Amino acid sequence: MTNETVIKVEHLKKSFGQNNILKDINAEVRDGQVICLVGPSGAGKSTFLRCINLLDQPTAGKVLFKNKELTALSENQLDTLREKMGMVFQQFNLFPHMSIIENIKLAPMKVKHASNKEATATGIELLKQVGLEDKADTFPASLSGGQQQRVAIARALAMGPEVMLFDEPTSALDPEMVGEVLKVMQDLAQKGMTMVVVTHEMGFAKNVADEIWFMADGYIQEKAKPEEFFSHPKTQRAQDFLAKVLET
């Protein structure tokens, strides 16, 4: 870990028609940091994450990855840079007609021109990492939602990313499957992976994040260490949000 700034966002804005989703976002993610983005639904968290790797094109502002401005790159250059930012979505998006190992091998072989032998070895290693080495030759339909999401994480890691972006990776899962996915993410964090995670899992955010970014109404309204955010939120908006999500 170098503590260098990996992602920098300056005056980021995003509108869909008349709807201003992101109003003026300024933020930095440093090497090895785990950032958890929390906030009410409709706050713009997922849109912000998608703007980081330009899956959504910002309306205004800059996104820099290791000092390279993404909005200034050609599509080919952008694709090369996107390889360094793995993304895991709410839905697993695995190819149903391919075995688990084939799903994981596909991008490294197609994009990075890895050999079949090399991609298979990496794939098996990653399946071990997410606790699914015995599922290599099975198909997605035979796996639970939690297992499929762990495969989706392994697939993203197969490209050797420097940053992992997670967009509510547990929100489509049954409650009993959430823990197994969060455990894999926690292991990644402990190994020093730089991560930006949109999540509703407050326990995970409290235990794993280096910093909490609270988003509401199109702005990052607070940035704080977890212990500070959860015990002494500064803004009324954050206080109201925590009172709702933490009530038992």
Protein backbone atom coordinates (compact mmCIF):
# COMPACT_ATOMS: atom_id res chain seq x y z
CA MET A 1 0.00 0.00 0.00
CA THR A 2 1.39 3.36 -1.03
CA ASN A 3 -1.25 5.74 0.36
CA GLU A 4 -1.32 7.40 -3.08
CA THR A 5 -4.61 8.72 -4.42
CA VAL A 6 -6.05 6.09 -6.75
CA ILE A 7 -9.42 7.69 -7.58
CA LYS A 8 -10.12 11.40 -7.50
CA VAL A 9 -13.49 12.95 -8.26
CA GLU A 10 -13.80 16.70 -8.82
CA HIS A 11 -17.11 18.58 -9.00
CA LEU A 12 -18.89 15.53 -10.37
CA LYS A 13 -22.44 16.10 -11.56
CA LYS A 14 -24.88 13.71 -13.20
CA SER A 15 -28.34 14.49 -14.52
CA PHE A 16 -30.89 12.34 -16.28
CA GLY A 17 -33.06 14.88 -18.10
CA GLN A 18 -34.31 17.35 -15.49
CA ASN A 19 -33.41 15.01 -12.67
CA ASN A 20 -30.14 16.05 -10.96
CA ILE A 21 -28.86 12.86 -9.33
CA LEU A 22 -25.33 13.99 -8.39
CA LYS A 23 -25.05 17.68 -7.64
CA ASP A 24 -21.40 18.39 -6.77
CA ILE A 25 -19.26 15.50 -5.59
CA ASN A 26 -15.63 15.88 -4.54
CA ALA A 27 -13.84 12.83 -3.17
CA GLU A 28 -10.59 10.87 -3.07
CA VAL A 29 -9.89 7.17 -2.58
CA ARG A 30 -6.37 6.22 -1.52
CA ASP A 31 -4.53 2.98 -2.16
CA GLY A 32 -5.70 0.20 0.18
CA GLN A 33 -8.69 2.16 1.54
CA VAL A 34 -12.10 0.60 2.01
CA ILE A 35 -14.81 3.22 1.51
CA CYS A 36 -18.42 2.37 2.33
CA LEU A 37 -21.06 4.55 0.72
CA VAL A 38 -24.23 4.60 2.78
CA GLY A 39 -27.40 6.62 2.61
CA PRO A 40 -31.10 6.49 1.75
CA SER A 41 -32.38 4.94 -1.48
CA GLY A 42 -32.33 7.44 -4.32
CA ALA A 43 -29.33 9.32 -2.87
CA GLY A 44 -27.25 8.70 -6.00
CA LYS A 45 -24.87 6.08 -4.54
CA SER A 46 -25.09 3.59 -7.42
CA THR A 47 -24.95 6.36 -10.01
CA PHE A 48 -21.81 7.72 -8.34
CA LEU A 49 -20.20 4.28 -8.47
CA ARG A 50 -21.10 3.88 -12.15
CA CYS A 51 -19.63 7.32 -12.91
CA ILE A 52 -16.31 6.29 -11.33
CA ASN A 53 -15.62 3.84 -14.18
CA LEU A 54 -17.74 5.77 -16.69
CA LEU A 55 -20.47 3.15 -17.08
CA ASP A 56 -22.53 6.32 -16.65
CA GLN A 57 -21.07 9.37 -18.36
CA PRO A 58 -20.84 12.33 -15.95
CA THR A 59 -22.74 15.46 -16.97
CA ALA A 60 -19.93 17.64 -15.60
CA GLY A 61 -16.76 17.34 -13.53
CA LYS A 62 -13.74 15.05 -13.63
CA VAL A 63 -12.95 11.48 -12.64
CA LEU A 64 -9.24 10.66 -12.38
CA PHE A 65 -7.77 7.19 -11.95
CA LYS A 66 -4.10 7.36 -10.96
CA ASN A 67 -3.94 10.92 -12.31
CA LYS A 68 -5.44 9.96 -15.68
CA GLU A 69 -8.64 11.80 -16.46
CA LEU A 70 -11.12 9.15 -17.60
CA THR A 71 -13.41 11.56 -19.42
CA ALA A 72 -10.49 12.54 -21.68
CA LEU A 73 -9.67 8.99 -22.79
CA SER A 74 -10.64 7.20 -25.99
CA GLU A 75 -12.94 4.16 -25.71
CA ASN A 76 -9.97 1.79 -26.13
CA GLN A 77 -7.92 3.56 -23.45
CA LEU A 78 -10.97 3.54 -21.18
CA ASP A 79 -11.45 -0.21 -21.67
CA THR A 80 -7.81 -0.79 -20.68
CA LEU A 81 -8.27 1.30 -17.54
CA ARG A 82 -11.58 -0.41 -16.69
CA GLU A 83 -9.67 -3.70 -16.47
CA LYS A 84 -8.02 -2.21 -13.39
CA MET A 85 -11.41 -1.52 -11.76
CA GLY A 86 -13.37 -4.68 -11.05
CA MET A 87 -17.10 -4.19 -10.56
CA VAL A 88 -19.62 -6.40 -8.80
CA PHE A 89 -23.30 -5.61 -9.27
CA GLN A 90 -26.49 -6.48 -7.37
CA GLN A 91 -27.29 -9.09 -10.00
CA PHE A 92 -24.67 -11.74 -10.67
CA ASN A 93 -24.87 -11.67 -14.51
CA LEU A 94 -23.20 -15.06 -14.92
CA PHE A 95 -23.54 -16.76 -18.30
CA PRO A 96 -26.01 -19.61 -17.63
CA HIS A 97 -24.74 -21.82 -20.48
CA MET A 98 -21.15 -21.77 -19.22
CA SER A 99 -19.66 -23.65 -16.28
CA ILE A 100 -18.37 -21.64 -13.32
CA ILE A 101 -14.73 -21.96 -14.37
CA GLU A 102 -15.63 -20.95 -17.95
CA ASN A 103 -17.40 -17.84 -16.62
CA ILE A 104 -14.24 -16.87 -14.74
CA LYS A 105 -11.83 -17.67 -17.58
CA LEU A 106 -13.72 -15.84 -20.31
CA ALA A 107 -12.50 -12.24 -19.82
CA PRO A 108 -8.82 -13.03 -19.06
CA MET A 109 -8.62 -15.19 -22.21
CA LYS A 110 -10.56 -12.81 -24.44
CA VAL A 111 -9.27 -9.47 -23.18
CA LYS A 112 -5.83 -10.25 -21.73
CA HIS A 113 -5.09 -13.15 -24.10
CA ALA A 114 -4.27 -15.47 -21.21
CA SER A 115 -3.77 -19.10 -22.22
CA ASN A 116 -6.43 -21.64 -21.29
CA LYS A 117 -4.00 -23.29 -18.85
CA GLU A 118 -3.08 -20.00 -17.19
CA ALA A 119 -6.70 -18.77 -16.95
CA THR A 120 -7.84 -22.13 -15.53
CA ALA A 121 -5.11 -22.11 -12.86
CA THR A 122 -5.99 -18.54 -11.84
CA GLY A 123 -9.71 -19.38 -11.87
CA ILE A 124 -9.27 -22.40 -9.60
CA GLU A 125 -7.11 -20.33 -7.23
CA LEU A 126 -9.80 -17.63 -7.06
CA LEU A 127 -12.54 -20.20 -6.49
CA LYS A 128 -10.49 -21.46 -3.54
CA GLN A 129 -10.28 -17.89 -2.27
CA VAL A 130 -14.09 -17.56 -2.30
CA GLY A 131 -14.62 -21.09 -0.93
CA LEU A 132 -16.06 -22.65 -4.09
CA GLU A 133 -13.24 -24.73 -5.60
CA ASP A 134 -15.55 -27.78 -5.70
CA LYS A 135 -18.02 -25.91 -7.97
CA ALA A 136 -15.67 -25.26 -10.95
CA ASP A 137 -17.49 -27.59 -13.34
CA THR A 138 -21.05 -26.89 -12.24
CA PHE A 139 -23.40 -24.36 -13.85
CA PRO A 140 -24.78 -21.14 -12.30
CA ALA A 141 -28.34 -22.49 -12.02
CA SER A 142 -27.17 -25.13 -9.54
CA LEU A 143 -25.72 -22.53 -7.15
CA SER A 144 -27.44 -20.45 -4.49
CA GLY A 145 -27.57 -16.66 -4.87
CA GLY A 146 -24.75 -16.24 -2.34
CA GLN A 147 -22.57 -18.73 -4.21
CA GLN A 148 -23.29 -17.01 -7.54
CA GLN A 149 -22.29 -13.65 -6.08
CA ARG A 150 -19.05 -15.16 -4.78
CA VAL A 151 -18.37 -16.45 -8.30
CA ALA A 152 -19.08 -12.94 -9.63
CA ILE A 153 -16.44 -11.58 -7.23
CA ALA A 154 -13.94 -14.24 -8.37
CA ARG A 155 -14.72 -13.36 -11.99
CA ALA A 156 -13.99 -9.66 -11.34
CA LEU A 157 -10.75 -10.57 -9.52
CA ALA A 158 -9.61 -12.73 -12.45
CA MET A 159 -8.71 -9.56 -14.36
CA GLY A 160 -6.23 -8.56 -11.64
CA PRO A 161 -7.93 -5.26 -10.73
CA GLU A 162 -6.31 -2.63 -8.53
CA VAL A 163 -9.67 -1.39 -7.25
CA MET A 164 -12.93 -3.22 -6.63
CA LEU A 165 -16.29 -1.43 -6.87
CA PHE A 166 -19.28 -3.12 -5.23
CA ASP A 167 -22.81 -1.93 -5.95
CA GLU A 168 -25.01 -3.29 -3.15
CA PRO A 169 -23.61 -6.80 -3.68
CA THR A 170 -25.89 -8.41 -1.07
CA SER A 171 -29.19 -6.64 -1.77
CA ALA A 172 -30.54 -9.38 -4.08
CA LEU A 173 -29.68 -12.17 -1.63
CA ASP A 174 -31.74 -14.02 0.93
CA PRO A 175 -30.70 -12.87 4.43
CA GLU A 176 -28.95 -16.16 5.31
CA MET A 177 -26.67 -15.84 2.27
CA VAL A 178 -25.49 -12.30 2.98
CA GLY A 179 -22.80 -13.31 5.49
CA GLU A 180 -20.90 -15.59 3.10
CA VAL A 181 -20.51 -12.77 0.55
CA LEU A 182 -19.53 -10.19 3.18
CA LYS A 183 -16.91 -12.64 4.52
CA VAL A 184 -15.24 -12.79 1.07
CA MET A 185 -15.28 -8.98 0.88
CA GLN A 186 -13.84 -8.73 4.38
CA ASP A 187 -11.00 -11.09 3.40
CA LEU A 188 -10.27 -8.91 0.36
CA ALA A 189 -10.15 -5.80 2.55
CA GLN A 190 -7.71 -7.50 4.94
CA LYS A 191 -5.45 -8.34 1.99
CA GLY A 192 -5.25 -4.62 1.17
CA MET A 193 -7.59 -4.41 -1.83
CA THR A 194 -8.79 -0.86 -2.49
CA MET A 195 -12.59 -1.01 -2.36
CA VAL A 196 -15.55 1.32 -2.80
CA VAL A 197 -18.71 -0.37 -1.54
CA VAL A 198 -22.30 0.83 -1.81
CA THR A 199 -24.05 -1.06 0.98
CA HIS A 200 -27.01 -1.22 3.34
CA GLU A 201 -25.10 -3.61 5.60
CA MET A 202 -24.28 -1.31 8.48
CA GLY A 203 -22.43 -3.99 10.47
CA PHE A 204 -20.06 -4.55 7.55
CA ALA A 205 -19.57 -0.80 7.09
CA LYS A 206 -18.83 -0.37 10.79
CA ASN A 207 -16.35 -3.27 10.97
CA VAL A 208 -14.55 -3.10 7.62
CA ALA A 209 -14.61 0.46 6.27
CA ASP A 210 -11.73 2.87 6.77
CA GLU A 211 -14.12 5.69 5.99
CA ILE A 212 -17.88 6.08 5.68
CA TRP A 213 -19.26 8.44 3.05
CA PHE A 214 -22.86 9.36 3.77
CA MET A 215 -24.77 10.35 0.65
CA ALA A 216 -28.15 12.03 0.54
CA ASP A 217 -29.94 14.38 -1.87
CA GLY A 218 -27.16 14.18 -4.48
CA TYR A 219 -24.26 15.16 -2.20
CA ILE A 220 -21.72 13.43 0.04
CA GLN A 221 -22.90 15.06 3.25
CA GLU A 222 -20.44 13.46 5.66
CA LYS A 223 -17.11 11.66 5.52
CA ALA A 224 -15.98 10.10 8.77
CA LYS A 225 -14.32 7.14 10.42
CA PRO A 226 -16.92 4.43 11.16
CA GLU A 227 -16.79 4.82 14.95
CA GLU A 228 -17.30 8.57 14.60
CA PHE A 229 -20.09 8.30 12.02
CA PHE A 230 -22.10 5.68 13.87
CA SER A 231 -21.73 7.24 17.32
CA HIS A 232 -21.76 10.96 16.46
CA PRO A 233 -23.20 11.72 13.00
CA LYS A 234 -22.83 15.44 12.42
CA THR A 235 -25.71 16.27 10.08
CA GLN A 236 -29.40 15.99 10.88
CA ARG A 237 -29.83 14.02 7.64
CA ALA A 238 -27.34 11.36 8.81
CA GLN A 239 -28.89 11.28 12.29
CA ASP A 240 -32.35 10.65 10.81
CA PHE A 241 -30.98 7.97 8.47
CA LEU A 242 -29.18 6.10 11.25
CA ALA A 243 -32.18 6.32 13.56
CA LYS A 244 -34.23 4.53 10.85
CA VAL A 245 -31.71 1.86 9.82
CA LEU A 246 -30.43 1.04 13.29
CA GLU A 247 -33.79 0.88 15.06
CA THR A 248 -34.58 -2.59 16.34
